[in-house]
Amino acid sequence: MDLRQLRYFVAIVQSGSISRASQALNVAQPALSLHIRNMEADLGVPLLFRTPQGVQATEAGLVLLRHARTILSQFEAADREVRGTATEPTGEVRLGLPSTISRILGVPLVLAARARHPKVVLRVAEAMSGYVLEWLRAGRVDLGLLYQCVEDKDLRSIGLLTEPLVLFGPVVAPPGVAAPAPGAAVDSRPSRRCPSSCRAPATVCVTSSTPAAPSSAWRCTL
């Protein structure tokens, strides 16, 4: 069987007559009858029986009719969706945002996405940054905005924004600690003490659950 035979069969059952289906499909009646006989031969069961009013589906024919309608509907939906991707993206995107960023970015981002891609549904979930990372690894969200870039075989991070953070400390360094020059960049690892005013970068990264080799260009630890 093929899609054409399924279309013919559905049309015949719906019209209740091979002659009426022949007119609707613009296909010769002997050709339709031949297709039905071939389908019955392939399946090994009768699909139609004749009545004074036309034809009706047998019990096996009703089973085939149900599946044929589903198959044809899915094929048409697939055809529309595939053709639609060439012109306009569609579907659902799940985005995880830290709560502090969501309050500022959430609504404007949804509105901008709706204006640019009206057929894309953007769903935003907010939580602490660590939970957003867990959601990404569990596949619960497709994209996440994090405060650090992630090195993971199943995740890919792209740096979006880096801004300075300023740390203030006492002017006189404690004994045994060398104070950096005011305004100088310092190592931002937690084990390093910074007793005077100093600067370190804060990075925001977008991370996706698309498997890709991590790029060392986006390695960052704050």
Protein backbone atom coordinates (compact mmCIF):
# COMPACT_ATOMS: atom_id res chain seq x y z
CA MET A 1 0.00 0.00 0.00
CA ASP A 2 0.99 3.62 -0.50
CA LEU A 3 -0.44 7.02 0.35
CA ARG A 4 -2.28 7.29 -2.94
CA GLN A 5 -4.12 4.02 -2.34
CA LEU A 6 -5.01 5.12 1.19
CA ARG A 7 -6.43 8.40 -0.16
CA TYR A 8 -8.48 6.50 -2.73
CA PHE A 9 -9.79 4.08 -0.12
CA VAL A 10 -10.79 6.87 2.30
CA ALA A 11 -12.54 8.77 -0.52
CA ILE A 12 -14.49 5.67 -1.58
CA VAL A 13 -15.66 4.88 1.96
CA GLN A 14 -16.60 8.49 2.69
CA SER A 15 -18.55 8.87 -0.56
CA GLY A 16 -20.14 5.41 -0.26
CA SER A 17 -19.70 4.80 -3.96
CA ILE A 18 -16.81 4.07 -6.29
CA SER A 19 -18.45 6.09 -9.06
CA ARG A 20 -18.90 9.17 -6.83
CA ALA A 21 -15.34 8.81 -5.56
CA SER A 22 -14.19 8.57 -9.19
CA GLN A 23 -15.79 11.92 -9.95
CA ALA A 24 -14.42 13.59 -6.80
CA LEU A 25 -10.88 12.30 -7.37
CA ASN A 26 -10.98 12.69 -11.15
CA VAL A 27 -9.74 9.12 -11.47
CA ALA A 28 -11.31 6.49 -13.75
CA GLN A 29 -13.64 4.09 -11.95
CA PRO A 30 -11.84 0.93 -13.24
CA ALA A 31 -8.57 2.32 -11.88
CA LEU A 32 -10.10 2.80 -8.42
CA SER A 33 -11.56 -0.70 -8.47
CA LEU A 34 -8.15 -2.08 -9.41
CA HIS A 35 -6.49 -0.27 -6.52
CA ILE A 36 -9.03 -1.71 -4.07
CA ARG A 37 -8.51 -5.25 -5.41
CA ASN A 38 -4.73 -4.85 -5.11
CA MET A 39 -5.07 -3.65 -1.51
CA GLU A 40 -7.33 -6.56 -0.64
CA ALA A 41 -4.87 -8.96 -2.24
CA ASP A 42 -1.98 -7.48 -0.25
CA LEU A 43 -3.86 -7.58 3.06
CA GLY A 44 -5.61 -10.88 2.41
CA VAL A 45 -9.03 -9.62 3.57
CA PRO A 46 -11.99 -7.93 1.84
CA LEU A 47 -12.18 -4.20 2.56
CA LEU A 48 -15.50 -3.31 0.89
CA PHE A 49 -18.80 -4.99 0.19
CA ARG A 50 -21.49 -3.84 -2.23
CA THR A 51 -24.97 -2.78 -1.19
CA PRO A 52 -27.93 -1.52 -3.23
CA GLN A 53 -26.90 2.00 -2.20
CA GLY A 54 -23.20 1.62 -3.11
CA VAL A 55 -20.30 0.24 -1.08
CA GLN A 56 -19.53 0.01 2.63
CA ALA A 57 -16.40 -0.86 4.56
CA THR A 58 -16.10 -4.32 6.06
CA GLU A 59 -14.91 -4.79 9.63
CA ALA A 60 -11.33 -4.97 8.33
CA GLY A 61 -12.05 -1.97 6.12
CA LEU A 62 -13.15 0.09 9.13
CA VAL A 63 -9.87 -0.74 10.88
CA LEU A 64 -7.94 0.32 7.80
CA LEU A 65 -10.06 3.48 7.50
CA ARG A 66 -9.18 4.55 11.04
CA HIS A 67 -5.46 4.05 10.48
CA ALA A 68 -5.57 5.57 6.99
CA ARG A 69 -7.10 8.79 8.30
CA THR A 70 -4.43 9.01 11.01
CA ILE A 71 -1.60 8.35 8.56
CA LEU A 72 -2.87 10.88 6.02
CA SER A 73 -3.42 13.49 8.73
CA GLN A 74 0.09 13.01 10.12
CA PHE A 75 1.59 13.15 6.64
CA GLU A 76 -0.20 16.42 5.88
CA ALA A 77 0.89 17.87 9.24
CA ALA A 78 4.50 16.84 8.59
CA ASP A 79 4.37 18.36 5.13
CA ARG A 80 3.06 21.68 6.48
CA GLU A 81 5.58 21.77 9.31
CA VAL A 82 8.57 20.95 7.12
CA ARG A 83 7.55 23.51 4.52
CA GLY A 84 6.94 26.07 7.23
CA THR A 85 10.48 25.82 8.59
CA ALA A 86 11.80 27.25 5.34
CA THR A 87 9.92 30.50 5.89
CA GLU A 88 9.26 30.97 9.59
CA PRO A 89 10.40 29.08 12.71
CA THR A 90 7.73 27.41 14.82
CA GLY A 91 7.59 25.40 18.03
CA GLU A 92 8.26 25.84 21.73
CA VAL A 93 11.44 27.08 23.43
CA ARG A 94 11.91 26.63 27.17
CA LEU A 95 14.19 29.22 28.79
CA GLY A 96 15.52 29.13 32.34
CA LEU A 97 16.44 32.45 33.96
CA PRO A 98 17.87 33.35 37.37
CA SER A 99 15.26 35.19 39.41
CA THR A 100 17.18 38.47 39.53
CA ILE A 101 17.55 38.53 35.73
CA SER A 102 14.01 37.32 35.09
CA ARG A 103 12.54 40.34 36.89
CA ILE A 104 14.33 42.64 34.46
CA LEU A 105 14.54 40.61 31.26
CA GLY A 106 11.61 38.19 31.40
CA VAL A 107 8.70 40.29 30.09
CA PRO A 108 10.68 42.31 27.50
CA LEU A 109 12.23 39.09 26.18
CA VAL A 110 8.85 37.36 25.78
CA LEU A 111 7.39 40.40 24.02
CA ALA A 112 10.40 40.73 21.69
CA ALA A 113 10.31 37.00 20.84
CA ARG A 114 6.57 37.17 20.13
CA ALA A 115 7.05 40.18 17.84
CA ARG A 116 9.95 38.65 15.92
CA HIS A 117 8.79 35.01 15.83
CA PRO A 118 5.02 34.89 16.41
CA LYS A 119 4.82 31.14 15.79
CA VAL A 120 7.42 30.36 18.48
CA VAL A 121 6.12 29.89 22.03
CA LEU A 122 8.68 31.06 24.58
CA ARG A 123 8.17 29.58 28.05
CA VAL A 124 10.23 31.14 30.85
CA ALA A 125 11.00 29.42 34.14
CA GLU A 126 12.88 31.21 36.89
CA ALA A 127 14.96 29.91 39.78
CA MET A 128 18.39 30.28 41.30
CA SER A 129 21.22 29.92 38.81
CA GLY A 130 22.21 26.50 40.17
CA TYR A 131 18.71 25.13 39.58
CA VAL A 132 18.70 26.48 36.03
CA LEU A 133 21.87 24.50 35.38
CA GLU A 134 20.24 21.35 36.80
CA TRP A 135 17.23 21.90 34.53
CA LEU A 136 19.53 22.16 31.52
CA ARG A 137 21.29 18.92 32.35
CA ALA A 138 17.96 17.17 32.96
CA GLY A 139 16.53 18.45 29.67
CA ARG A 140 13.74 20.41 31.37
CA VAL A 141 14.75 23.65 29.59
CA ASP A 142 16.39 24.25 26.22
CA LEU A 143 18.33 27.40 27.08
CA GLY A 144 19.51 28.95 30.30
CA LEU A 145 21.08 32.21 31.37
CA LEU A 146 23.79 31.61 33.97
CA TYR A 147 26.33 33.66 35.87
CA GLN A 148 29.15 31.38 34.79
CA CYS A 149 30.03 29.49 31.65
CA VAL A 150 29.75 25.72 31.90
CA GLU A 151 32.17 23.11 30.58
CA ASP A 152 30.10 20.01 29.90
CA LYS A 153 30.05 17.44 27.10
CA ASP A 154 26.28 17.89 26.74
CA LEU A 155 26.13 21.68 27.07
CA ARG A 156 27.50 24.60 25.12
CA SER A 157 28.06 28.06 26.64
CA ILE A 158 28.42 31.39 24.88
CA GLY A 159 29.55 34.48 26.77
CA LEU A 160 27.09 37.37 26.53
CA LEU A 161 28.17 40.04 28.96
CA THR A 162 31.09 40.88 31.18
CA GLU A 163 31.00 43.79 33.60
CA PRO A 164 33.35 44.86 36.42
CA LEU A 165 32.65 44.10 40.06
CA VAL A 166 34.33 46.35 42.59
CA LEU A 167 35.46 44.96 45.95
CA PHE A 168 36.11 47.35 48.82
CA GLY A 169 38.41 46.61 51.73
CA PRO A 170 40.46 48.38 54.39
CA VAL A 171 43.11 50.81 53.18
CA VAL A 172 45.78 49.15 55.35
CA ALA A 173 46.38 45.51 54.47
CA PRO A 174 46.48 42.92 57.27
CA PRO A 175 49.94 41.67 58.28
CA GLY A 176 51.46 39.32 55.73
CA VAL A 177 49.10 40.31 52.90
CA ALA A 178 50.31 42.48 50.03
CA ALA A 179 47.67 45.03 49.04
CA PRO A 180 47.14 45.45 45.29
CA ALA A 181 47.23 48.85 43.72
CA PRO A 182 43.88 50.69 43.79
CA GLY A 183 41.80 49.85 40.70
CA ALA A 184 44.01 46.92 39.72
CA ALA A 185 42.51 43.66 38.46
CA VAL A 186 42.87 40.74 40.85
CA ASP A 187 42.52 37.00 40.79
CA SER A 188 38.82 36.38 41.56
CA ARG A 189 39.22 32.91 43.09
CA PRO A 190 37.59 32.67 46.55
CA SER A 191 40.88 31.66 48.22
CA ARG A 192 42.52 35.00 47.37
CA ARG A 193 42.03 37.88 49.79
CA CYS A 194 41.67 41.40 48.47
CA PRO A 195 42.06 43.91 51.33
CA SER A 196 41.80 47.08 49.22
CA SER A 197 39.59 48.38 46.45
CA CYS A 198 40.01 46.16 43.38
CA ARG A 199 38.16 45.01 40.28
CA ALA A 200 37.23 41.59 38.88
CA PRO A 201 35.05 40.62 35.90
CA ALA A 202 31.51 39.31 36.31
CA THR A 203 30.35 37.21 33.38
CA VAL A 204 26.87 36.26 32.14
CA CYS A 205 26.67 33.27 29.78
CA VAL A 206 23.85 31.70 27.83
CA THR A 207 24.00 27.90 27.92
CA SER A 208 22.11 25.54 25.63
CA SER A 209 21.43 21.82 25.91
CA THR A 210 22.84 21.24 22.42
CA PRO A 211 25.71 18.72 22.64
CA ALA A 212 28.93 20.36 21.53
CA ALA A 213 32.57 20.37 22.47
CA PRO A 214 33.15 23.14 25.05
CA SER A 215 35.16 26.10 23.82
CA SER A 216 38.08 27.19 25.99
CA ALA A 217 37.43 30.77 24.86
CA TRP A 218 34.49 30.90 27.25
CA ARG A 219 36.14 29.45 30.33
CA CYS A 220 35.42 31.69 33.25
CA THR A 221 35.30 31.34 37.00
CA LEU A 222 34.20 34.15 39.25
